[in-house]
Every structure is written in C-alpha cells, then in structure tokens.
Amino acid sequence: MEKMKLTENMVLVLRVLADREEGKGFAREVLEDERLKGKTFNSVNATLAAAAGKGLTTKEPAMLGEKLLTRYTITDLGREVVAPADEAPAEEE
C-alpha cells in the first residue's frame, strides 16, 4: 500500500469513528466523544469529508431526527491506516 499522509487530527477523528457501533456516525455524534474535546463541529465535519476523499470513509445521506445529514462510515482502508503499530498483522512463518 502506498504511504498516505494523515494529520494527527485526522487519525484522532477516524479512531473515534472506528470505535463507534459499526464504524458509522454523523459528525455531531463523532464530536460528542470525550477524545475530541475542544474540537469544533466544522473541523470534525471537514476532517470526515476529507477522509472520504481519500477513501478512508464513505458518506451517505441519512436522517438524523428531522434533518437529512451526511453519515460517515469508516472503510477497511481507514481502519488499516489508523490501527496502532502494535496491532499490525503478524507475519506468517
């Protein structure tokens, strides 16, 4: 796999998304995580949209309450690039 440049912020936001049920969530829901304290809705939303452009998330329109918003889902590639180094797959012997 080609090396992809990711900011610390993108890795943090993607890890929060990956930890959500089924790896899915709206930017508002992702922002509620304690690890993102101090971040703004706009920065989280922009980070998730940028991740979609890199193939790290997918996005789809979905209803949240009475509003049609974008729901993001982390992809396998997204999970792979944000996995801690100690979780890397072991080499087969």
C-alpha atoms as a PDB file:
ATOM      1  CA  MET A   1       0.000   0.000   0.000  1.00  0.00           C
ATOM      2  CA  GLU A   2       1.210   3.482  -0.863  1.00  0.00           C
ATOM      3  CA  LYS A   3       2.056   5.682   2.142  1.00  0.00           C
ATOM      4  CA  MET A   4      -0.708   8.175   2.836  1.00  0.00           C
ATOM      5  CA  LYS A   5      -0.112  11.442   4.676  1.00  0.00           C
ATOM      6  CA  LEU A   6      -2.516  11.885   7.561  1.00  0.00           C
ATOM      7  CA  THR A   7      -2.653  14.656  10.113  1.00  0.00           C
ATOM      8  CA  GLU A   8      -2.827  13.845  13.819  1.00  0.00           C
ATOM      9  CA  ASN A   9      -6.305  15.345  13.827  1.00  0.00           C
ATOM     10  CA  MET A  10      -7.480  13.041  11.013  1.00  0.00           C
ATOM     11  CA  VAL A  11      -6.116   9.973  12.781  1.00  0.00           C
ATOM     12  CA  LEU A  12      -7.851  11.006  16.015  1.00  0.00           C
ATOM     13  CA  VAL A  13     -11.223  11.635  14.328  1.00  0.00           C
ATOM     14  CA  LEU A  14     -11.004   8.376  12.363  1.00  0.00           C
ATOM     15  CA  ARG A  15     -10.193   6.392  15.521  1.00  0.00           C
ATOM     16  CA  VAL A  16     -13.269   7.851  17.202  1.00  0.00           C
ATOM     17  CA  LEU A  17     -15.395   6.918  14.175  1.00  0.00           C
ATOM     18  CA  ALA A  18     -13.883   3.412  14.120  1.00  0.00           C
ATOM     19  CA  ASP A  19     -14.820   2.924  17.778  1.00  0.00           C
ATOM     20  CA  ARG A  20     -18.484   3.764  17.152  1.00  0.00           C
ATOM     21  CA  GLU A  21     -21.023   0.991  16.590  1.00  0.00           C
ATOM     22  CA  GLU A  22     -20.480  -0.387  13.076  1.00  0.00           C
ATOM     23  CA  GLY A  23     -17.917   2.383  12.466  1.00  0.00           C
ATOM     24  CA  LYS A  24     -20.717   4.778  11.481  1.00  0.00           C
ATOM     25  CA  GLY A  25     -21.727   8.210  12.635  1.00  0.00           C
ATOM     26  CA  PHE A  26     -22.708  11.752  11.860  1.00  0.00           C
ATOM     27  CA  ALA A  27     -20.152  14.497  12.552  1.00  0.00           C
ATOM     28  CA  ARG A  28     -22.299  15.654  15.508  1.00  0.00           C
ATOM     29  CA  GLU A  29     -22.169  12.191  17.060  1.00  0.00           C
ATOM     30  CA  VAL A  30     -18.441  11.802  16.500  1.00  0.00           C
ATOM     31  CA  LEU A  31     -17.842  15.217  18.073  1.00  0.00           C
ATOM     32  CA  GLU A  32     -19.567  14.074  21.301  1.00  0.00           C
ATOM     33  CA  ASP A  33     -16.646  11.748  22.097  1.00  0.00           C
ATOM     34  CA  GLU A  34     -14.521  12.957  25.014  1.00  0.00           C
ATOM     35  CA  ARG A  35     -11.322  12.463  22.974  1.00  0.00           C
ATOM     36  CA  LEU A  36     -12.409  15.313  20.677  1.00  0.00           C
ATOM     37  CA  LYS A  37     -12.994  17.820  23.472  1.00  0.00           C
ATOM     38  CA  GLY A  38     -12.172  21.311  22.231  1.00  0.00           C
ATOM     39  CA  LYS A  39     -12.758  20.467  18.560  1.00  0.00           C
ATOM     40  CA  THR A  40     -15.470  22.258  16.624  1.00  0.00           C
ATOM     41  CA  PHE A  41     -18.266  20.735  14.574  1.00  0.00           C
ATOM     42  CA  ASN A  42     -16.876  22.349  11.423  1.00  0.00           C
ATOM     43  CA  SER A  43     -13.401  20.889  11.919  1.00  0.00           C
ATOM     44  CA  VAL A  44     -14.714  17.370  12.588  1.00  0.00           C
ATOM     45  CA  ASN A  45     -17.099  17.546   9.639  1.00  0.00           C
ATOM     46  CA  ALA A  46     -14.344  18.833   7.314  1.00  0.00           C
ATOM     47  CA  THR A  47     -11.963  16.122   8.528  1.00  0.00           C
ATOM     48  CA  LEU A  48     -14.504  13.389   7.845  1.00  0.00           C
ATOM     49  CA  ALA A  49     -15.235  14.823   4.388  1.00  0.00           C
ATOM     50  CA  ALA A  50     -11.507  14.961   3.591  1.00  0.00           C
ATOM     51  CA  ALA A  51     -11.154  11.358   4.752  1.00  0.00           C
ATOM     52  CA  ALA A  52     -13.933  10.390   2.335  1.00  0.00           C
ATOM     53  CA  GLY A  53     -11.925  11.994  -0.459  1.00  0.00           C
ATOM     54  CA  LYS A  54      -9.003   9.711   0.428  1.00  0.00           C
ATOM     55  CA  GLY A  55     -11.179   6.593   0.557  1.00  0.00           C
ATOM     56  CA  LEU A  56     -10.865   6.290   4.350  1.00  0.00           C
ATOM     57  CA  THR A  57     -14.587   6.783   4.907  1.00  0.00           C
ATOM     58  CA  THR A  58     -17.718   6.587   2.830  1.00  0.00           C
ATOM     59  CA  LYS A  59     -20.520   9.078   3.104  1.00  0.00           C
ATOM     60  CA  GLU A  60     -24.234   8.795   2.554  1.00  0.00           C
ATOM     61  CA  PRO A  61     -27.253  10.988   3.170  1.00  0.00           C
ATOM     62  CA  ALA A  62     -29.277   9.821   6.175  1.00  0.00           C
ATOM     63  CA  MET A  63     -31.893  11.205   8.520  1.00  0.00           C
ATOM     64  CA  LEU A  64     -30.929  12.402  11.986  1.00  0.00           C
ATOM     65  CA  GLY A  65     -34.125  13.429  13.676  1.00  0.00           C
ATOM     66  CA  GLU A  66     -35.918  15.527  11.090  1.00  0.00           C
ATOM     67  CA  LYS A  67     -32.777  16.611   9.221  1.00  0.00           C
ATOM     68  CA  LEU A  68     -31.100  14.998   6.247  1.00  0.00           C
ATOM     69  CA  LEU A  69     -27.378  14.952   7.062  1.00  0.00           C
ATOM     70  CA  THR A  70     -24.268  13.116   5.952  1.00  0.00           C
ATOM     71  CA  ARG A  71     -23.428   9.885   7.787  1.00  0.00           C
ATOM     72  CA  TYR A  72     -19.849   8.643   7.545  1.00  0.00           C
ATOM     73  CA  THR A  73     -18.663   5.035   7.708  1.00  0.00           C
ATOM     74  CA  ILE A  74     -15.021   4.088   8.129  1.00  0.00           C
ATOM     75  CA  THR A  75     -13.690   1.803   5.399  1.00  0.00           C
ATOM     76  CA  ASP A  76     -11.329  -1.155   5.778  1.00  0.00           C
ATOM     77  CA  LEU A  77      -8.562   1.093   4.438  1.00  0.00           C
ATOM     78  CA  GLY A  78      -9.450   3.692   7.054  1.00  0.00           C
ATOM     79  CA  ARG A  79      -9.232   1.102   9.824  1.00  0.00           C
ATOM     80  CA  GLU A  80      -5.912  -0.109   8.453  1.00  0.00           C
ATOM     81  CA  VAL A  81      -4.237   3.302   8.364  1.00  0.00           C
ATOM     82  CA  VAL A  82      -5.314   4.301  11.886  1.00  0.00           C
ATOM     83  CA  ALA A  83      -4.555   0.980  13.580  1.00  0.00           C
ATOM     84  CA  PRO A  84      -1.843   1.381  16.210  1.00  0.00           C
ATOM     85  CA  ALA A  85       1.515  -0.028  15.113  1.00  0.00           C
ATOM     86  CA  ASP A  86       1.338  -2.746  17.773  1.00  0.00           C
ATOM     87  CA  GLU A  87      -1.867  -4.057  16.159  1.00  0.00           C
ATOM     88  CA  ALA A  88      -0.212  -4.610  12.799  1.00  0.00           C
ATOM     89  CA  PRO A  89      -0.848  -8.113  11.410  1.00  0.00           C
ATOM     90  CA  ALA A  90       1.819 -10.609  12.424  1.00  0.00           C
ATOM     91  CA  GLU A  91       3.952 -12.066   9.656  1.00  0.00           C
ATOM     92  CA  GLU A  92       3.287 -15.701   8.891  1.00  0.00           C
ATOM     93  CA  GLU A  93       6.197 -18.097   9.272  1.00  0.00           C
END
